[in-house]
Amino acid sequence: MPAPNITASTRFFRPETTSVVYCLTVANKAAPSRAEINAGTNLRNEVSEISGFQASSDTVETPDLGSRFVSKIPGRITADDSSITFYESVTGVDVRALLPRDTVGFLLFMPGGDVAARKMNVFPITVASVATDWSIADAARLVVSFTITSAPAEAVAIPA
């Protein structure tokens, strides 16, 4: 008998679905409360691009004299350099007011939207920089770079 197929995914398109919420405080990153999420700010309407926000593990080689094969074990967990590109306002009233350099907090990424029981990833962050994107071919934008300050909480259930 062949192995069963993986459960089919319900595919989606990120625009109009994904939410990115900035929260100043979250008591438990593995279980943000509905009140904490509601007190945050949904950034999605001003997001142009997202880069990074992925955790990965290094590997550690574990050679031994019993084999020529060098096995590996999971090592340190790191986060990629991460940034979000936002649209800049000609009036200056834009993301710079909410996320200036050195701002701390949490970014909640909700790929399937803010829908109870769906999954989100919670990243503890500090704003490293806010830089102007000087492209003359695109709408004016700002690149906000973030440091990930501790391991993110992944596949967290969104509360009702």
N, C-alpha and C. Protein backbone atom coordinates (compact mmCIF):
# COMPACT_ATOMS: atom_id res chain seq x y z
N MET A 1 0.86 -1.18 0.00
CA MET A 1 0.00 0.00 0.00
C MET A 1 0.90 1.24 0.00
N PRO A 2 0.63 2.22 -0.88
CA PRO A 2 1.48 3.42 -0.93
C PRO A 2 1.20 4.34 0.27
N ALA A 3 2.18 5.20 0.54
CA ALA A 3 2.03 6.18 1.63
C ALA A 3 0.90 7.15 1.29
N PRO A 4 0.15 7.59 2.29
CA PRO A 4 -0.94 8.55 2.01
C PRO A 4 -0.38 9.93 1.66
N ASN A 5 -1.16 10.66 0.89
CA ASN A 5 -0.78 12.02 0.51
C ASN A 5 -0.88 12.97 1.70
N ILE A 6 -0.04 13.99 1.68
CA ILE A 6 -0.15 15.07 2.65
C ILE A 6 -1.50 15.76 2.45
N THR A 7 -2.06 16.32 3.51
CA THR A 7 -3.32 17.03 3.40
C THR A 7 -3.17 18.20 2.43
N ALA A 8 -4.10 18.34 1.52
CA ALA A 8 -4.04 19.42 0.53
C ALA A 8 -4.19 20.78 1.21
N SER A 9 -3.39 21.73 0.78
CA SER A 9 -3.47 23.08 1.33
C SER A 9 -4.61 23.85 0.69
N THR A 10 -5.12 24.82 1.43
CA THR A 10 -6.08 25.77 0.87
C THR A 10 -5.26 26.98 0.47
N ARG A 11 -4.99 27.11 -0.81
CA ARG A 11 -4.06 28.15 -1.28
C ARG A 11 -4.73 29.51 -1.29
N PHE A 12 -3.87 30.54 -1.16
CA PHE A 12 -4.41 31.90 -1.10
C PHE A 12 -3.39 32.89 -1.65
N PHE A 13 -3.85 34.10 -1.88
CA PHE A 13 -3.04 35.20 -2.39
C PHE A 13 -2.87 36.18 -1.24
N ARG A 14 -1.63 36.58 -0.92
CA ARG A 14 -1.37 37.39 0.28
C ARG A 14 -2.11 38.73 0.33
N PRO A 15 -2.14 39.54 -0.77
CA PRO A 15 -2.89 40.80 -0.67
C PRO A 15 -4.35 40.55 -0.30
N GLU A 16 -4.86 41.38 0.57
CA GLU A 16 -6.22 41.34 1.12
C GLU A 16 -6.45 40.18 2.08
N THR A 17 -5.40 39.41 2.37
CA THR A 17 -5.54 38.28 3.30
C THR A 17 -4.61 38.43 4.49
N THR A 18 -3.31 38.61 4.23
CA THR A 18 -2.30 38.65 5.28
C THR A 18 -2.40 39.93 6.11
N SER A 19 -2.28 39.77 7.41
CA SER A 19 -2.20 40.92 8.32
C SER A 19 -0.85 40.92 9.01
N VAL A 20 -0.30 42.10 9.21
CA VAL A 20 0.92 42.30 9.99
C VAL A 20 0.56 43.32 11.06
N VAL A 21 0.60 42.89 12.32
CA VAL A 21 0.17 43.75 13.42
C VAL A 21 1.37 44.05 14.31
N TYR A 22 1.57 45.34 14.60
CA TYR A 22 2.60 45.77 15.56
C TYR A 22 1.93 45.92 16.91
N CYS A 23 2.49 45.25 17.92
CA CYS A 23 2.01 45.37 19.30
C CYS A 23 3.15 45.88 20.17
N LEU A 24 2.89 46.89 20.95
CA LEU A 24 3.90 47.41 21.87
C LEU A 24 4.22 46.38 22.94
N THR A 25 3.21 45.70 23.45
CA THR A 25 3.43 44.70 24.50
C THR A 25 2.66 43.43 24.20
N VAL A 26 3.29 42.32 24.53
CA VAL A 26 2.67 40.99 24.50
C VAL A 26 3.25 40.26 25.70
N ALA A 27 2.41 39.84 26.62
CA ALA A 27 2.89 39.20 27.84
C ALA A 27 3.52 37.83 27.57
N ASN A 28 2.94 37.07 26.64
CA ASN A 28 3.44 35.74 26.31
C ASN A 28 3.44 35.60 24.80
N LYS A 29 4.63 35.64 24.19
CA LYS A 29 4.69 35.61 22.72
C LYS A 29 4.12 34.32 22.14
N ALA A 30 4.06 33.25 22.93
CA ALA A 30 3.50 31.99 22.46
C ALA A 30 1.97 31.98 22.53
N ALA A 31 1.39 33.02 23.11
CA ALA A 31 -0.07 33.07 23.24
C ALA A 31 -0.55 34.51 23.43
N PRO A 32 -0.38 35.39 22.43
CA PRO A 32 -0.91 36.75 22.57
C PRO A 32 -2.42 36.72 22.79
N SER A 33 -2.90 37.60 23.62
CA SER A 33 -4.34 37.64 23.89
C SER A 33 -5.05 38.46 22.83
N ARG A 34 -6.35 38.27 22.73
CA ARG A 34 -7.15 39.06 21.80
C ARG A 34 -7.06 40.54 22.17
N ALA A 35 -7.03 40.86 23.45
CA ALA A 35 -6.93 42.27 23.88
C ALA A 35 -5.60 42.87 23.41
N GLU A 36 -4.50 42.11 23.51
CA GLU A 36 -3.19 42.61 23.07
C GLU A 36 -3.18 42.83 21.56
N ILE A 37 -3.76 41.92 20.81
CA ILE A 37 -3.82 42.07 19.35
C ILE A 37 -4.66 43.29 18.99
N ASN A 38 -5.82 43.42 19.62
CA ASN A 38 -6.71 44.54 19.33
C ASN A 38 -6.08 45.89 19.71
N ALA A 39 -5.18 45.90 20.68
CA ALA A 39 -4.49 47.14 21.08
C ALA A 39 -3.36 47.48 20.12
N GLY A 40 -3.01 46.56 19.23
CA GLY A 40 -1.94 46.80 18.27
C GLY A 40 -2.40 47.63 17.08
N THR A 41 -1.51 47.75 16.10
CA THR A 41 -1.80 48.50 14.87
C THR A 41 -1.57 47.59 13.68
N ASN A 42 -2.60 47.43 12.84
CA ASN A 42 -2.46 46.62 11.63
C ASN A 42 -1.75 47.46 10.57
N LEU A 43 -0.61 46.98 10.11
CA LEU A 43 0.24 47.72 9.20
C LEU A 43 -0.03 47.43 7.73
N ARG A 44 -0.83 46.43 7.42
CA ARG A 44 -0.91 45.88 6.07
C ARG A 44 -1.25 46.87 4.97
N ASN A 45 -2.03 47.88 5.25
CA ASN A 45 -2.42 48.82 4.20
C ASN A 45 -1.28 49.74 3.76
N GLU A 46 -0.18 49.76 4.48
CA GLU A 46 0.97 50.60 4.13
C GLU A 46 2.20 49.78 3.75
N VAL A 47 2.09 48.45 3.76
CA VAL A 47 3.24 47.58 3.46
C VAL A 47 3.39 47.42 1.96
N SER A 48 4.61 47.68 1.48
CA SER A 48 4.95 47.47 0.08
C SER A 48 5.67 46.14 -0.11
N GLU A 49 6.62 45.83 0.81
CA GLU A 49 7.40 44.60 0.72
C GLU A 49 7.79 44.13 2.12
N ILE A 50 7.99 42.83 2.25
CA ILE A 50 8.49 42.23 3.49
C ILE A 50 9.69 41.37 3.13
N SER A 51 10.74 41.50 3.92
CA SER A 51 11.95 40.71 3.67
C SER A 51 12.44 40.12 4.99
N GLY A 52 12.83 38.84 4.95
CA GLY A 52 13.36 38.20 6.16
C GLY A 52 12.26 37.60 6.99
N PHE A 53 12.32 37.82 8.29
CA PHE A 53 11.37 37.29 9.27
C PHE A 53 11.24 35.77 9.12
N GLN A 54 12.41 35.13 9.06
CA GLN A 54 12.48 33.67 9.01
C GLN A 54 13.54 33.22 9.99
N ALA A 55 13.21 32.25 10.79
CA ALA A 55 14.18 31.67 11.71
C ALA A 55 14.73 30.39 11.07
N SER A 56 16.02 30.19 11.24
CA SER A 56 16.63 28.97 10.71
C SER A 56 17.66 28.46 11.72
N SER A 57 18.00 27.20 11.58
CA SER A 57 18.97 26.60 12.49
C SER A 57 20.28 26.35 11.76
N ASP A 58 21.37 26.69 12.42
CA ASP A 58 22.67 26.28 11.93
C ASP A 58 22.80 24.79 12.22
N THR A 59 23.81 24.18 11.63
CA THR A 59 24.06 22.77 11.93
C THR A 59 25.45 22.63 12.55
N VAL A 60 25.60 21.61 13.36
CA VAL A 60 26.86 21.33 14.05
C VAL A 60 27.30 19.93 13.62
N GLU A 61 28.50 19.85 13.07
CA GLU A 61 29.03 18.55 12.68
C GLU A 61 29.39 17.73 13.91
N THR A 62 29.12 16.42 13.84
CA THR A 62 29.42 15.53 14.96
C THR A 62 30.19 14.29 14.45
N PRO A 63 31.45 14.50 14.02
CA PRO A 63 32.22 13.36 13.52
C PRO A 63 32.63 12.43 14.67
N ASP A 64 32.82 11.18 14.31
CA ASP A 64 33.35 10.24 15.30
C ASP A 64 34.24 9.23 14.58
N LEU A 65 35.02 8.51 15.36
CA LEU A 65 35.98 7.56 14.80
C LEU A 65 35.33 6.31 14.24
N GLY A 66 34.07 6.08 14.54
CA GLY A 66 33.40 4.87 14.10
C GLY A 66 32.90 4.90 12.67
N SER A 67 32.99 6.07 12.02
CA SER A 67 32.44 6.19 10.67
C SER A 67 33.15 7.28 9.90
N ARG A 68 33.25 7.10 8.59
CA ARG A 68 33.77 8.16 7.73
C ARG A 68 32.70 9.22 7.48
N PHE A 69 31.45 8.85 7.70
CA PHE A 69 30.34 9.79 7.49
C PHE A 69 30.30 10.77 8.66
N VAL A 70 30.16 12.04 8.33
CA VAL A 70 30.07 13.07 9.37
C VAL A 70 28.60 13.46 9.52
N SER A 71 28.00 13.05 10.63
CA SER A 71 26.61 13.39 10.89
C SER A 71 26.53 14.82 11.43
N LYS A 72 25.31 15.35 11.45
CA LYS A 72 25.08 16.71 11.95
C LYS A 72 23.88 16.72 12.88
N ILE A 73 23.89 17.69 13.78
CA ILE A 73 22.76 17.92 14.67
C ILE A 73 22.35 19.38 14.54
N PRO A 74 21.11 19.71 14.88
CA PRO A 74 20.70 21.12 14.85
C PRO A 74 21.53 21.94 15.84
N GLY A 75 21.87 23.14 15.43
CA GLY A 75 22.66 24.03 16.29
C GLY A 75 21.89 25.27 16.67
N ARG A 76 22.59 26.39 16.67
CA ARG A 76 21.98 27.67 17.07
C ARG A 76 20.89 28.09 16.10
N ILE A 77 19.88 28.73 16.64
CA ILE A 77 18.80 29.28 15.83
C ILE A 77 19.09 30.74 15.60
N THR A 78 18.97 31.17 14.35
CA THR A 78 19.21 32.56 14.00
C THR A 78 18.04 33.09 13.18
N ALA A 79 17.94 34.39 13.09
CA ALA A 79 16.92 35.03 12.27
C ALA A 79 17.60 35.83 11.17
N ASP A 80 17.04 35.77 9.99
CA ASP A 80 17.57 36.53 8.86
C ASP A 80 17.45 38.03 9.14
N ASP A 81 18.30 38.82 8.46
CA ASP A 81 18.11 40.26 8.50
C ASP A 81 16.69 40.52 7.99
N SER A 82 15.97 41.40 8.64
CA SER A 82 14.55 41.55 8.35
C SER A 82 14.18 43.01 8.18
N SER A 83 13.27 43.26 7.24
CA SER A 83 12.80 44.63 7.02
C SER A 83 11.41 44.61 6.42
N ILE A 84 10.73 45.71 6.59
CA ILE A 84 9.45 45.94 5.92
C ILE A 84 9.57 47.29 5.23
N THR A 85 9.16 47.32 3.96
CA THR A 85 9.15 48.56 3.20
C THR A 85 7.73 49.11 3.22
N PHE A 86 7.62 50.35 3.68
CA PHE A 86 6.32 51.02 3.80
C PHE A 86 6.26 52.19 2.82
N TYR A 87 5.06 52.62 2.51
CA TYR A 87 4.90 53.82 1.70
C TYR A 87 5.16 55.05 2.57
N GLU A 88 5.79 56.03 1.97
CA GLU A 88 6.10 57.29 2.65
C GLU A 88 5.04 58.33 2.28
N SER A 89 4.64 59.14 3.23
CA SER A 89 3.66 60.19 2.97
C SER A 89 4.35 61.52 2.72
N VAL A 90 3.89 62.26 1.75
CA VAL A 90 4.45 63.57 1.46
C VAL A 90 4.28 64.52 2.66
N THR A 91 3.28 64.25 3.50
CA THR A 91 3.04 65.09 4.68
C THR A 91 3.95 64.72 5.84
N GLY A 92 4.61 63.56 5.74
CA GLY A 92 5.46 63.09 6.83
C GLY A 92 4.71 62.31 7.90
N VAL A 93 3.39 62.17 7.74
CA VAL A 93 2.60 61.39 8.67
C VAL A 93 2.51 59.97 8.11
N ASP A 94 3.41 59.10 8.60
CA ASP A 94 3.49 57.74 8.08
C ASP A 94 4.09 56.84 9.16
N VAL A 95 4.66 55.72 8.77
CA VAL A 95 5.16 54.73 9.71
C VAL A 95 6.23 55.28 10.65
N ARG A 96 6.89 56.37 10.28
CA ARG A 96 7.94 56.94 11.14
C ARG A 96 7.41 57.37 12.50
N ALA A 97 6.14 57.73 12.57
CA ALA A 97 5.55 58.12 13.85
C ALA A 97 5.35 56.91 14.77
N LEU A 98 5.03 55.76 14.18
CA LEU A 98 4.77 54.56 14.96
C LEU A 98 6.04 53.77 15.27
N LEU A 99 6.97 53.71 14.31
CA LEU A 99 8.15 52.86 14.44
C LEU A 99 9.46 53.60 14.23
N PRO A 100 9.77 54.60 15.05
CA PRO A 100 11.07 55.25 14.93
C PRO A 100 12.18 54.31 15.42
N ARG A 101 13.42 54.66 15.08
CA ARG A 101 14.57 53.86 15.51
C ARG A 101 14.50 53.58 17.01
N ASP A 102 14.89 52.39 17.41
CA ASP A 102 14.95 51.89 18.79
C ASP A 102 13.59 51.53 19.39
N THR A 103 12.52 51.58 18.60
CA THR A 103 11.22 51.14 19.09
C THR A 103 11.27 49.64 19.35
N VAL A 104 10.71 49.21 20.46
CA VAL A 104 10.64 47.78 20.77
C VAL A 104 9.19 47.34 20.72
N GLY A 105 8.99 46.05 20.57
CA GLY A 105 7.64 45.51 20.55
C GLY A 105 7.61 44.17 19.88
N PHE A 106 6.49 43.88 19.24
CA PHE A 106 6.26 42.58 18.62
C PHE A 106 5.58 42.79 17.28
N LEU A 107 6.01 42.02 16.29
CA LEU A 107 5.31 41.97 15.01
C LEU A 107 4.63 40.61 14.90
N LEU A 108 3.32 40.65 14.64
CA LEU A 108 2.53 39.45 14.50
C LEU A 108 2.19 39.28 13.02
N PHE A 109 2.67 38.21 12.43
CA PHE A 109 2.42 37.94 11.02
C PHE A 109 1.31 36.89 10.92
N MET A 110 0.19 37.28 10.32
CA MET A 110 -0.98 36.43 10.20
C MET A 110 -1.23 36.16 8.73
N PRO A 111 -0.60 35.12 8.17
CA PRO A 111 -0.71 34.88 6.73
C PRO A 111 -2.14 34.69 6.24
N GLY A 112 -2.97 34.01 7.02
CA GLY A 112 -4.36 33.76 6.63
C GLY A 112 -5.33 34.80 7.15
N GLY A 113 -4.80 35.92 7.65
CA GLY A 113 -5.65 36.97 8.19
C GLY A 113 -5.86 36.79 9.69
N ASP A 114 -6.45 37.80 10.29
CA ASP A 114 -6.73 37.77 11.73
C ASP A 114 -8.04 37.01 11.94
N VAL A 115 -7.92 35.69 11.86
CA VAL A 115 -9.08 34.80 11.97
C VAL A 115 -8.78 33.79 13.08
N ALA A 116 -9.70 33.68 14.04
CA ALA A 116 -9.50 32.77 15.17
C ALA A 116 -9.16 31.37 14.71
N ALA A 117 -8.18 30.77 15.42
CA ALA A 117 -7.70 29.40 15.22
C ALA A 117 -6.73 29.26 14.05
N ARG A 118 -6.62 30.26 13.17
CA ARG A 118 -5.58 30.20 12.15
C ARG A 118 -4.24 30.47 12.83
N LYS A 119 -3.16 30.34 12.10
CA LYS A 119 -1.82 30.44 12.69
C LYS A 119 -1.18 31.80 12.42
N MET A 120 -0.30 32.19 13.35
CA MET A 120 0.50 33.41 13.20
C MET A 120 1.90 33.13 13.74
N ASN A 121 2.84 33.96 13.34
CA ASN A 121 4.19 33.96 13.89
C ASN A 121 4.39 35.27 14.63
N VAL A 122 5.00 35.21 15.81
CA VAL A 122 5.18 36.38 16.66
C VAL A 122 6.68 36.64 16.80
N PHE A 123 7.13 37.80 16.35
CA PHE A 123 8.54 38.17 16.39
C PHE A 123 8.77 39.30 17.38
N PRO A 124 9.55 39.09 18.43
CA PRO A 124 9.98 40.19 19.30
C PRO A 124 11.00 41.02 18.51
N ILE A 125 10.79 42.32 18.43
CA ILE A 125 11.64 43.15 17.56
C ILE A 125 12.11 44.44 18.24
N THR A 126 13.16 44.99 17.66
CA THR A 126 13.58 46.37 17.90
C THR A 126 13.83 46.99 16.54
N VAL A 127 13.38 48.21 16.34
CA VAL A 127 13.63 48.91 15.08
C VAL A 127 15.09 49.34 15.06
N ALA A 128 15.82 48.85 14.06
CA ALA A 128 17.24 49.18 13.92
C ALA A 128 17.43 50.49 13.15
N SER A 129 16.63 50.69 12.11
CA SER A 129 16.76 51.91 11.32
C SER A 129 15.50 52.14 10.50
N VAL A 130 15.33 53.39 10.10
CA VAL A 130 14.27 53.78 9.18
C VAL A 130 14.95 54.59 8.09
N ALA A 131 15.00 54.03 6.88
CA ALA A 131 15.76 54.65 5.79
C ALA A 131 14.85 54.99 4.62
N THR A 132 15.16 56.09 3.97
CA THR A 132 14.43 56.50 2.78
C THR A 132 14.90 55.67 1.59
N ASP A 133 13.95 55.15 0.83
CA ASP A 133 14.25 54.49 -0.43
C ASP A 133 14.20 55.58 -1.50
N TRP A 134 15.34 55.88 -2.10
CA TRP A 134 15.45 57.02 -3.01
C TRP A 134 15.15 56.68 -4.46
N SER A 135 14.49 55.55 -4.71
CA SER A 135 14.15 55.18 -6.08
C SER A 135 13.30 56.27 -6.73
N ILE A 136 13.59 56.57 -8.00
CA ILE A 136 12.78 57.56 -8.71
C ILE A 136 11.76 56.89 -9.63
N ALA A 137 11.74 55.56 -9.64
CA ALA A 137 10.81 54.83 -10.50
C ALA A 137 9.59 54.30 -9.75
N ASP A 138 9.61 54.38 -8.43
CA ASP A 138 8.52 53.83 -7.62
C ASP A 138 7.91 54.91 -6.75
N ALA A 139 6.77 54.59 -6.15
CA ALA A 139 6.19 55.49 -5.15
C ALA A 139 7.21 55.65 -4.01
N ALA A 140 7.20 56.78 -3.35
CA ALA A 140 8.13 57.04 -2.25
C ALA A 140 7.91 56.02 -1.14
N ARG A 141 9.03 55.46 -0.65
CA ARG A 141 8.93 54.41 0.36
C ARG A 141 9.99 54.57 1.44
N LEU A 142 9.75 53.93 2.57
CA LEU A 142 10.67 53.89 3.70
C LEU A 142 10.97 52.43 4.02
N VAL A 143 12.23 52.12 4.27
CA VAL A 143 12.62 50.76 4.64
C VAL A 143 12.90 50.74 6.13
N VAL A 144 12.08 50.01 6.87
CA VAL A 144 12.27 49.87 8.31
C VAL A 144 12.97 48.54 8.55
N SER A 145 14.18 48.60 9.10
CA SER A 145 14.96 47.39 9.40
C SER A 145 14.76 47.03 10.86
N PHE A 146 14.64 45.73 11.11
CA PHE A 146 14.36 45.23 12.45
C PHE A 146 15.43 44.25 12.89
N THR A 147 15.72 44.24 14.19
CA THR A 147 16.48 43.14 14.78
C THR A 147 15.46 42.24 15.47
N ILE A 148 15.68 40.95 15.37
CA ILE A 148 14.83 39.99 16.06
C ILE A 148 15.53 39.71 17.38
N THR A 149 14.88 40.05 18.49
CA THR A 149 15.57 40.07 19.78
C THR A 149 15.53 38.76 20.55
N SER A 150 14.66 37.84 20.16
CA SER A 150 14.65 36.49 20.75
C SER A 150 13.92 35.58 19.76
N ALA A 151 13.97 34.31 20.02
CA ALA A 151 13.35 33.34 19.10
C ALA A 151 11.87 33.68 18.89
N PRO A 152 11.44 33.66 17.65
CA PRO A 152 10.02 33.92 17.41
C PRO A 152 9.18 32.74 17.87
N ALA A 153 7.92 33.03 18.15
CA ALA A 153 6.94 31.98 18.42
C ALA A 153 6.27 31.67 17.09
N GLU A 154 6.36 30.42 16.66
CA GLU A 154 5.86 30.05 15.33
C GLU A 154 4.60 29.19 15.43
N ALA A 155 3.75 29.33 14.44
CA ALA A 155 2.51 28.55 14.34
C ALA A 155 1.65 28.67 15.60
N VAL A 156 1.51 29.91 16.08
CA VAL A 156 0.70 30.21 17.26
C VAL A 156 -0.76 30.37 16.83
N ALA A 157 -1.67 29.76 17.53
CA ALA A 157 -3.09 29.89 17.22
C ALA A 157 -3.56 31.31 17.51
N ILE A 158 -4.29 31.89 16.57
CA ILE A 158 -4.86 33.22 16.76
C ILE A 158 -6.08 33.09 17.67
N PRO A 159 -6.14 33.88 18.74
CA PRO A 159 -7.26 33.75 19.67
C PRO A 159 -8.55 34.35 19.11
N ALA A 160 -9.68 33.87 19.65
CA ALA A 160 -10.99 34.38 19.25
C ALA A 160 -11.23 35.75 19.84
